[in-house]
Amino acid sequence: MIDWITVFSLILLGIALLVVEIIFVPGTTVVGVVGFILLLAGVVLSFRYYGSNIGWTTASGSAVGTAVILYFCFKSDVWSRFASKATIDSRVNEGEMSDLHVGTEGIAVSALRPIGKAELKGKIYEVKTFGSYLETGKKIRVIEILSNQIVVEQIN
């Protein structure tokens, strides 16, 4: 009796981990590999404990059971309850840099590590440095304007 519980538990846990891998955490493969190993261990134990007839029955039942469960998970759209439906429609500094030019001075309103916020000509912009870290309140100067990026340096 304990043998069937072990085989059944390994197969169910393996199938559950495969479903979790495919539906909820795609791309990690660790959960799926562990699930497949547990599923395979359950089938191998059924061969070992009960012989080839029961082993093949268990293997085919596990394959069909896994396929049916995955089918119903995809069919019922179970993952849509967990998916983020929020969209980001904002843009960084797009269309707002027409009055800025190289040499414009301002103040860092957040720490630049190396990206942060700065006030330039009365507006707040996202700026970056060439790798240096600047603390809040430091005076800065625009040294380069790339497409939607403002590169600054500290004024001593």
N, C-alpha and C. Protein backbone atom coordinates (compact mmCIF):
# COMPACT_ATOMS: atom_id res chain seq x y z
N MET A 1 0.82 -1.20 0.00
CA MET A 1 0.00 0.00 0.00
C MET A 1 0.86 1.26 0.00
N ILE A 2 1.92 1.26 0.78
CA ILE A 2 2.78 2.44 0.85
C ILE A 2 3.50 2.69 -0.48
N ASP A 3 3.70 1.60 -1.25
CA ASP A 3 4.34 1.74 -2.56
C ASP A 3 3.47 2.54 -3.52
N TRP A 4 2.15 2.27 -3.53
CA TRP A 4 1.24 3.01 -4.40
C TRP A 4 1.15 4.47 -3.99
N ILE A 5 1.19 4.73 -2.71
CA ILE A 5 1.13 6.11 -2.24
C ILE A 5 2.36 6.87 -2.70
N THR A 6 3.52 6.23 -2.63
CA THR A 6 4.76 6.87 -3.08
C THR A 6 4.72 7.15 -4.58
N VAL A 7 4.34 6.12 -5.35
CA VAL A 7 4.27 6.28 -6.82
C VAL A 7 3.26 7.36 -7.18
N PHE A 8 2.09 7.30 -6.62
CA PHE A 8 1.03 8.26 -6.92
C PHE A 8 1.43 9.68 -6.51
N SER A 9 2.05 9.83 -5.34
CA SER A 9 2.48 11.15 -4.87
C SER A 9 3.56 11.74 -5.77
N LEU A 10 4.52 10.94 -6.18
CA LEU A 10 5.58 11.44 -7.06
C LEU A 10 5.01 11.88 -8.40
N ILE A 11 4.10 11.09 -8.95
CA ILE A 11 3.51 11.44 -10.24
C ILE A 11 2.67 12.71 -10.13
N LEU A 12 1.85 12.82 -9.11
CA LEU A 12 1.02 14.02 -8.94
C LEU A 12 1.87 15.27 -8.71
N LEU A 13 2.90 15.14 -7.87
CA LEU A 13 3.77 16.29 -7.62
C LEU A 13 4.53 16.68 -8.89
N GLY A 14 4.96 15.69 -9.66
CA GLY A 14 5.64 15.97 -10.92
C GLY A 14 4.75 16.69 -11.90
N ILE A 15 3.51 16.22 -12.03
CA ILE A 15 2.56 16.88 -12.94
C ILE A 15 2.27 18.29 -12.46
N ALA A 16 2.11 18.46 -11.16
CA ALA A 16 1.83 19.79 -10.62
C ALA A 16 2.98 20.75 -10.92
N LEU A 17 4.21 20.29 -10.75
CA LEU A 17 5.35 21.16 -11.03
C LEU A 17 5.48 21.46 -12.52
N LEU A 18 5.16 20.50 -13.38
CA LEU A 18 5.17 20.78 -14.82
C LEU A 18 4.13 21.84 -15.19
N VAL A 19 2.95 21.75 -14.59
CA VAL A 19 1.90 22.75 -14.85
C VAL A 19 2.35 24.12 -14.35
N VAL A 20 2.94 24.14 -13.17
CA VAL A 20 3.43 25.41 -12.62
C VAL A 20 4.50 26.00 -13.54
N GLU A 21 5.39 25.17 -14.05
CA GLU A 21 6.44 25.66 -14.96
C GLU A 21 5.85 26.23 -16.24
N ILE A 22 4.93 25.53 -16.83
CA ILE A 22 4.40 25.94 -18.13
C ILE A 22 3.47 27.14 -18.00
N ILE A 23 2.63 27.16 -16.99
CA ILE A 23 1.61 28.20 -16.88
C ILE A 23 2.10 29.42 -16.12
N PHE A 24 2.78 29.23 -14.99
CA PHE A 24 3.04 30.35 -14.09
C PHE A 24 4.46 30.89 -14.13
N VAL A 25 5.47 30.06 -14.32
CA VAL A 25 6.85 30.55 -14.32
C VAL A 25 7.60 30.09 -15.57
N PRO A 26 7.13 30.47 -16.74
CA PRO A 26 7.81 30.00 -17.95
C PRO A 26 9.20 30.60 -18.07
N GLY A 27 10.09 29.82 -18.60
CA GLY A 27 11.44 30.31 -18.86
C GLY A 27 12.46 29.96 -17.81
N THR A 28 12.05 29.50 -16.64
CA THR A 28 13.04 29.20 -15.61
C THR A 28 13.59 27.79 -15.74
N THR A 29 12.82 26.87 -16.23
CA THR A 29 13.13 25.47 -16.48
C THR A 29 13.50 24.66 -15.24
N VAL A 30 13.87 25.27 -14.14
CA VAL A 30 14.24 24.51 -12.95
C VAL A 30 13.03 23.76 -12.40
N VAL A 31 11.92 24.45 -12.28
CA VAL A 31 10.70 23.84 -11.75
C VAL A 31 10.24 22.71 -12.68
N GLY A 32 10.30 22.95 -13.98
CA GLY A 32 9.89 21.93 -14.94
C GLY A 32 10.79 20.71 -14.91
N VAL A 33 12.09 20.92 -14.79
CA VAL A 33 13.02 19.79 -14.73
C VAL A 33 12.78 18.98 -13.47
N VAL A 34 12.60 19.63 -12.35
CA VAL A 34 12.31 18.91 -11.10
C VAL A 34 10.99 18.15 -11.23
N GLY A 35 9.98 18.77 -11.82
CA GLY A 35 8.70 18.10 -12.03
C GLY A 35 8.83 16.88 -12.92
N PHE A 36 9.60 17.01 -14.00
CA PHE A 36 9.80 15.88 -14.90
C PHE A 36 10.55 14.75 -14.21
N ILE A 37 11.56 15.10 -13.41
CA ILE A 37 12.32 14.07 -12.67
C ILE A 37 11.41 13.34 -11.68
N LEU A 38 10.55 14.09 -10.97
CA LEU A 38 9.63 13.44 -10.03
C LEU A 38 8.63 12.55 -10.75
N LEU A 39 8.12 13.02 -11.87
CA LEU A 39 7.19 12.22 -12.67
C LEU A 39 7.87 10.95 -13.16
N LEU A 40 9.07 11.09 -13.66
CA LEU A 40 9.83 9.94 -14.14
C LEU A 40 10.16 8.98 -12.99
N ALA A 41 10.48 9.51 -11.82
CA ALA A 41 10.77 8.66 -10.66
C ALA A 41 9.54 7.86 -10.26
N GLY A 42 8.37 8.46 -10.31
CA GLY A 42 7.14 7.72 -10.00
C GLY A 42 6.88 6.60 -10.98
N VAL A 43 7.11 6.86 -12.26
CA VAL A 43 6.91 5.82 -13.27
C VAL A 43 7.94 4.71 -13.11
N VAL A 44 9.20 5.07 -12.87
CA VAL A 44 10.25 4.06 -12.68
C VAL A 44 9.96 3.20 -11.45
N LEU A 45 9.48 3.81 -10.38
CA LEU A 45 9.14 3.03 -9.19
C LEU A 45 7.96 2.09 -9.45
N SER A 46 7.02 2.50 -10.29
CA SER A 46 5.92 1.59 -10.61
C SER A 46 6.42 0.39 -11.40
N PHE A 47 7.39 0.58 -12.29
CA PHE A 47 8.02 -0.55 -12.99
C PHE A 47 8.73 -1.45 -11.98
N ARG A 48 9.45 -0.84 -11.07
CA ARG A 48 10.26 -1.61 -10.11
C ARG A 48 9.38 -2.40 -9.14
N TYR A 49 8.32 -1.78 -8.62
CA TYR A 49 7.49 -2.44 -7.62
C TYR A 49 6.50 -3.42 -8.22
N TYR A 50 5.95 -3.12 -9.41
CA TYR A 50 4.81 -3.89 -9.90
C TYR A 50 5.03 -4.55 -11.25
N GLY A 51 6.19 -4.40 -11.86
CA GLY A 51 6.46 -5.07 -13.13
C GLY A 51 6.13 -4.21 -14.33
N SER A 52 6.36 -4.82 -15.50
CA SER A 52 6.27 -4.03 -16.74
C SER A 52 4.83 -3.72 -17.14
N ASN A 53 3.88 -4.63 -16.90
CA ASN A 53 2.48 -4.35 -17.29
C ASN A 53 1.94 -3.14 -16.54
N ILE A 54 2.06 -3.14 -15.24
CA ILE A 54 1.59 -2.01 -14.43
C ILE A 54 2.44 -0.77 -14.71
N GLY A 55 3.74 -0.97 -14.94
CA GLY A 55 4.63 0.15 -15.24
C GLY A 55 4.23 0.88 -16.51
N TRP A 56 3.93 0.12 -17.57
CA TRP A 56 3.51 0.75 -18.83
C TRP A 56 2.14 1.40 -18.70
N THR A 57 1.29 0.80 -17.92
CA THR A 57 -0.02 1.39 -17.67
C THR A 57 0.13 2.71 -16.92
N THR A 58 1.01 2.72 -15.93
CA THR A 58 1.27 3.94 -15.17
C THR A 58 1.90 5.02 -16.05
N ALA A 59 2.84 4.61 -16.90
CA ALA A 59 3.51 5.57 -17.79
C ALA A 59 2.51 6.19 -18.76
N SER A 60 1.69 5.37 -19.39
CA SER A 60 0.72 5.92 -20.34
C SER A 60 -0.35 6.74 -19.63
N GLY A 61 -0.78 6.29 -18.45
CA GLY A 61 -1.75 7.07 -17.69
C GLY A 61 -1.19 8.42 -17.26
N SER A 62 0.08 8.44 -16.90
CA SER A 62 0.71 9.71 -16.51
C SER A 62 0.82 10.65 -17.70
N ALA A 63 1.17 10.11 -18.86
CA ALA A 63 1.29 10.95 -20.06
C ALA A 63 -0.07 11.52 -20.45
N VAL A 64 -1.08 10.68 -20.47
CA VAL A 64 -2.42 11.14 -20.82
C VAL A 64 -2.94 12.13 -19.77
N GLY A 65 -2.73 11.82 -18.50
CA GLY A 65 -3.16 12.72 -17.43
C GLY A 65 -2.50 14.08 -17.52
N THR A 66 -1.20 14.09 -17.79
CA THR A 66 -0.48 15.36 -17.94
C THR A 66 -1.03 16.15 -19.12
N ALA A 67 -1.25 15.48 -20.24
CA ALA A 67 -1.77 16.16 -21.43
C ALA A 67 -3.16 16.74 -21.17
N VAL A 68 -4.02 15.97 -20.51
CA VAL A 68 -5.39 16.44 -20.23
C VAL A 68 -5.36 17.63 -19.28
N ILE A 69 -4.55 17.56 -18.25
CA ILE A 69 -4.48 18.67 -17.29
C ILE A 69 -3.94 19.93 -17.96
N LEU A 70 -2.89 19.80 -18.77
CA LEU A 70 -2.35 20.97 -19.48
C LEU A 70 -3.37 21.54 -20.46
N TYR A 71 -4.10 20.67 -21.15
CA TYR A 71 -5.13 21.12 -22.09
C TYR A 71 -6.17 21.97 -21.36
N PHE A 72 -6.67 21.48 -20.24
CA PHE A 72 -7.70 22.22 -19.52
C PHE A 72 -7.15 23.51 -18.89
N CYS A 73 -5.88 23.50 -18.50
CA CYS A 73 -5.28 24.73 -17.97
C CYS A 73 -5.22 25.81 -19.06
N PHE A 74 -4.82 25.42 -20.28
CA PHE A 74 -4.78 26.39 -21.37
C PHE A 74 -6.18 26.77 -21.82
N LYS A 75 -7.07 25.82 -21.87
CA LYS A 75 -8.43 26.07 -22.33
C LYS A 75 -9.19 27.01 -21.39
N SER A 76 -8.99 26.84 -20.09
CA SER A 76 -9.71 27.66 -19.13
C SER A 76 -9.08 29.03 -18.91
N ASP A 77 -7.96 29.29 -19.57
CA ASP A 77 -7.29 30.59 -19.48
C ASP A 77 -6.95 30.94 -18.02
N VAL A 78 -6.43 29.94 -17.30
CA VAL A 78 -6.17 30.09 -15.87
C VAL A 78 -5.11 31.15 -15.58
N TRP A 79 -4.16 31.34 -16.47
CA TRP A 79 -3.07 32.28 -16.21
C TRP A 79 -3.48 33.73 -16.35
N SER A 80 -4.61 34.02 -16.98
CA SER A 80 -5.01 35.42 -17.18
C SER A 80 -5.34 36.11 -15.86
N ARG A 81 -5.70 35.33 -14.84
CA ARG A 81 -5.97 35.93 -13.53
C ARG A 81 -4.69 36.43 -12.87
N PHE A 82 -3.56 35.89 -13.27
CA PHE A 82 -2.30 36.26 -12.64
C PHE A 82 -1.47 37.21 -13.50
N ALA A 83 -1.89 37.43 -14.74
CA ALA A 83 -1.13 38.28 -15.65
C ALA A 83 -1.39 39.76 -15.36
N SER A 84 -0.38 40.56 -15.50
CA SER A 84 -0.51 42.00 -15.33
C SER A 84 -1.18 42.60 -16.56
N LYS A 85 -2.20 43.39 -16.34
CA LYS A 85 -2.91 44.01 -17.45
C LYS A 85 -2.59 45.50 -17.57
N ALA A 86 -1.68 45.97 -16.75
CA ALA A 86 -1.31 47.38 -16.77
C ALA A 86 -0.43 47.67 -17.97
N THR A 87 -0.58 48.84 -18.52
CA THR A 87 0.26 49.27 -19.63
C THR A 87 0.99 50.54 -19.23
N ILE A 88 2.15 50.71 -19.81
CA ILE A 88 2.94 51.91 -19.57
C ILE A 88 2.88 52.75 -20.84
N ASP A 89 2.29 53.93 -20.72
CA ASP A 89 2.16 54.78 -21.89
C ASP A 89 2.95 56.08 -21.75
N SER A 90 3.76 56.18 -20.74
CA SER A 90 4.57 57.39 -20.56
C SER A 90 5.89 57.26 -21.30
N ARG A 91 6.52 58.37 -21.52
CA ARG A 91 7.79 58.40 -22.23
C ARG A 91 8.78 59.22 -21.41
N VAL A 92 10.05 58.92 -21.57
CA VAL A 92 11.10 59.62 -20.84
C VAL A 92 11.61 60.75 -21.71
N ASN A 93 11.46 61.98 -21.24
CA ASN A 93 12.01 63.18 -21.88
C ASN A 93 11.63 63.33 -23.34
N GLU A 94 10.56 62.70 -23.80
CA GLU A 94 10.24 62.77 -25.22
C GLU A 94 9.54 64.08 -25.54
N GLY A 95 10.09 64.82 -26.46
CA GLY A 95 9.49 66.06 -26.91
C GLY A 95 9.64 67.22 -25.94
N GLU A 96 10.33 67.02 -24.84
CA GLU A 96 10.45 68.07 -23.83
C GLU A 96 11.83 68.72 -23.82
N MET A 97 12.71 68.29 -24.68
CA MET A 97 14.10 68.77 -24.60
C MET A 97 14.41 69.87 -25.61
N SER A 98 13.39 70.45 -26.21
CA SER A 98 13.65 71.44 -27.25
C SER A 98 14.33 72.69 -26.71
N ASP A 99 14.09 73.05 -25.45
CA ASP A 99 14.71 74.26 -24.90
C ASP A 99 16.03 73.97 -24.18
N LEU A 100 16.49 72.73 -24.17
CA LEU A 100 17.77 72.39 -23.54
C LEU A 100 18.88 72.38 -24.59
N HIS A 101 20.07 72.73 -24.13
CA HIS A 101 21.23 72.66 -25.01
C HIS A 101 22.46 72.34 -24.15
N VAL A 102 23.54 71.99 -24.81
CA VAL A 102 24.78 71.68 -24.09
C VAL A 102 25.22 72.92 -23.34
N GLY A 103 25.54 72.76 -22.07
CA GLY A 103 25.96 73.87 -21.23
C GLY A 103 24.89 74.34 -20.27
N THR A 104 23.64 73.89 -20.45
CA THR A 104 22.57 74.25 -19.53
C THR A 104 22.91 73.73 -18.14
N GLU A 105 22.71 74.61 -17.13
CA GLU A 105 23.05 74.22 -15.76
C GLU A 105 21.79 73.99 -14.96
N GLY A 106 21.91 73.14 -13.93
CA GLY A 106 20.77 72.84 -13.07
C GLY A 106 21.23 72.18 -11.78
N ILE A 107 20.29 71.55 -11.10
CA ILE A 107 20.56 70.92 -9.80
C ILE A 107 19.98 69.51 -9.81
N ALA A 108 20.73 68.57 -9.26
CA ALA A 108 20.25 67.20 -9.11
C ALA A 108 19.21 67.16 -8.00
N VAL A 109 17.99 66.74 -8.32
CA VAL A 109 16.93 66.67 -7.32
C VAL A 109 16.82 65.27 -6.72
N SER A 110 17.55 64.32 -7.26
CA SER A 110 17.67 62.99 -6.68
C SER A 110 19.13 62.57 -6.85
N ALA A 111 19.52 61.52 -6.18
CA ALA A 111 20.87 61.01 -6.34
C ALA A 111 21.02 60.47 -7.76
N LEU A 112 22.09 60.80 -8.42
CA LEU A 112 22.37 60.29 -9.76
C LEU A 112 23.33 59.11 -9.61
N ARG A 113 22.82 57.89 -9.81
CA ARG A 113 23.63 56.69 -9.56
C ARG A 113 23.55 55.73 -10.71
N PRO A 114 23.98 55.92 -11.82
CA PRO A 114 24.28 57.16 -12.50
C PRO A 114 23.06 57.83 -13.12
N ILE A 115 21.87 57.23 -12.99
CA ILE A 115 20.66 57.84 -13.54
C ILE A 115 19.81 58.37 -12.40
N GLY A 116 19.22 59.52 -12.62
CA GLY A 116 18.36 60.13 -11.62
C GLY A 116 17.61 61.30 -12.20
N LYS A 117 17.07 62.15 -11.34
CA LYS A 117 16.29 63.31 -11.78
C LYS A 117 17.04 64.60 -11.47
N ALA A 118 16.87 65.57 -12.38
CA ALA A 118 17.51 66.86 -12.20
C ALA A 118 16.54 67.95 -12.66
N GLU A 119 16.71 69.11 -12.06
CA GLU A 119 15.93 70.27 -12.48
C GLU A 119 16.79 71.11 -13.40
N LEU A 120 16.31 71.29 -14.63
CA LEU A 120 16.99 72.09 -15.64
C LEU A 120 15.98 73.07 -16.21
N LYS A 121 16.26 74.35 -16.12
CA LYS A 121 15.37 75.42 -16.61
C LYS A 121 13.96 75.28 -16.06
N GLY A 122 13.85 74.96 -14.77
CA GLY A 122 12.56 74.92 -14.10
C GLY A 122 11.74 73.65 -14.33
N LYS A 123 12.25 72.69 -15.09
CA LYS A 123 11.54 71.44 -15.33
C LYS A 123 12.37 70.27 -14.79
N ILE A 124 11.70 69.21 -14.44
CA ILE A 124 12.37 68.00 -13.95
C ILE A 124 12.59 67.05 -15.14
N TYR A 125 13.83 66.60 -15.31
CA TYR A 125 14.20 65.68 -16.37
C TYR A 125 14.90 64.46 -15.78
N GLU A 126 14.84 63.37 -16.51
CA GLU A 126 15.64 62.20 -16.15
C GLU A 126 16.98 62.38 -16.85
N VAL A 127 18.06 62.34 -16.06
CA VAL A 127 19.40 62.56 -16.60
C VAL A 127 20.30 61.42 -16.17
N LYS A 128 21.47 61.36 -16.82
CA LYS A 128 22.44 60.35 -16.42
C LYS A 128 23.84 60.93 -16.51
N THR A 129 24.75 60.29 -15.80
CA THR A 129 26.15 60.68 -15.85
C THR A 129 26.91 59.59 -16.60
N PHE A 130 28.18 59.84 -16.85
CA PHE A 130 29.01 58.82 -17.48
C PHE A 130 29.60 57.88 -16.44
N GLY A 131 28.80 57.46 -15.46
CA GLY A 131 29.23 56.50 -14.47
C GLY A 131 29.51 57.06 -13.10
N SER A 132 29.65 58.36 -12.98
CA SER A 132 29.92 58.93 -11.66
C SER A 132 28.62 59.05 -10.88
N TYR A 133 28.73 58.98 -9.56
CA TYR A 133 27.59 59.10 -8.67
C TYR A 133 27.58 60.50 -8.08
N LEU A 134 26.41 61.14 -8.14
CA LEU A 134 26.26 62.48 -7.58
C LEU A 134 25.13 62.47 -6.57
N GLU A 135 25.31 63.19 -5.50
CA GLU A 135 24.30 63.27 -4.45
C GLU A 135 23.27 64.35 -4.79
N THR A 136 22.15 64.31 -4.11
CA THR A 136 21.09 65.29 -4.27
C THR A 136 21.60 66.69 -3.94
N GLY A 137 21.19 67.66 -4.74
CA GLY A 137 21.55 69.05 -4.48
C GLY A 137 22.82 69.52 -5.17
N LYS A 138 23.55 68.65 -5.83
CA LYS A 138 24.78 69.05 -6.53
C LYS A 138 24.43 69.82 -7.79
N LYS A 139 25.27 70.80 -8.10
CA LYS A 139 25.09 71.57 -9.32
C LYS A 139 25.64 70.75 -10.49
N ILE A 140 24.87 70.74 -11.59
CA ILE A 140 25.25 69.95 -12.76
C ILE A 140 25.19 70.79 -14.02
N ARG A 141 25.80 70.27 -15.07
CA ARG A 141 25.81 70.92 -16.38
C ARG A 141 25.57 69.86 -17.45
N VAL A 142 24.75 70.18 -18.44
CA VAL A 142 24.50 69.27 -19.55
C VAL A 142 25.74 69.24 -20.43
N ILE A 143 26.27 68.04 -20.69
CA ILE A 143 27.45 67.93 -21.54
C ILE A 143 27.14 67.26 -22.87
N GLU A 144 25.99 66.57 -22.93
CA GLU A 144 25.63 65.90 -24.17
C GLU A 144 24.14 65.60 -24.17
N ILE A 145 23.51 65.77 -25.33
CA ILE A 145 22.10 65.41 -25.48
C ILE A 145 22.02 64.40 -26.61
N LEU A 146 21.68 63.18 -26.23
CA LEU A 146 21.49 62.12 -27.20
C LEU A 146 20.00 61.94 -27.41
N SER A 147 19.60 61.03 -28.24
CA SER A 147 18.16 60.84 -28.46
C SER A 147 17.46 60.47 -27.16
N ASN A 148 16.72 61.41 -26.62
CA ASN A 148 15.95 61.27 -25.37
C ASN A 148 16.80 60.98 -24.15
N GLN A 149 18.09 61.24 -24.19
CA GLN A 149 18.95 61.08 -23.04
C GLN A 149 19.72 62.38 -22.82
N ILE A 150 19.79 62.76 -21.56
CA ILE A 150 20.53 63.97 -21.20
C ILE A 150 21.69 63.52 -20.32
N VAL A 151 22.91 63.79 -20.78
CA VAL A 151 24.10 63.40 -20.04
C VAL A 151 24.64 64.64 -19.35
N VAL A 152 24.91 64.51 -18.04
CA VAL A 152 25.35 65.66 -17.25
C VAL A 152 26.65 65.33 -16.51
N GLU A 153 27.27 66.41 -16.02
CA GLU A 153 28.45 66.26 -15.15
C GLU A 153 28.31 67.25 -14.01
N GLN A 154 29.05 67.01 -12.94
CA GLN A 154 29.00 67.91 -11.80
C GLN A 154 29.82 69.15 -12.08
N ILE A 155 29.30 70.29 -11.60
CA ILE A 155 30.05 71.54 -11.67
C ILE A 155 30.76 71.73 -10.33
N ASN A 156 32.04 71.94 -10.38
CA ASN A 156 32.81 72.15 -9.14
C ASN A 156 32.80 73.57 -8.69
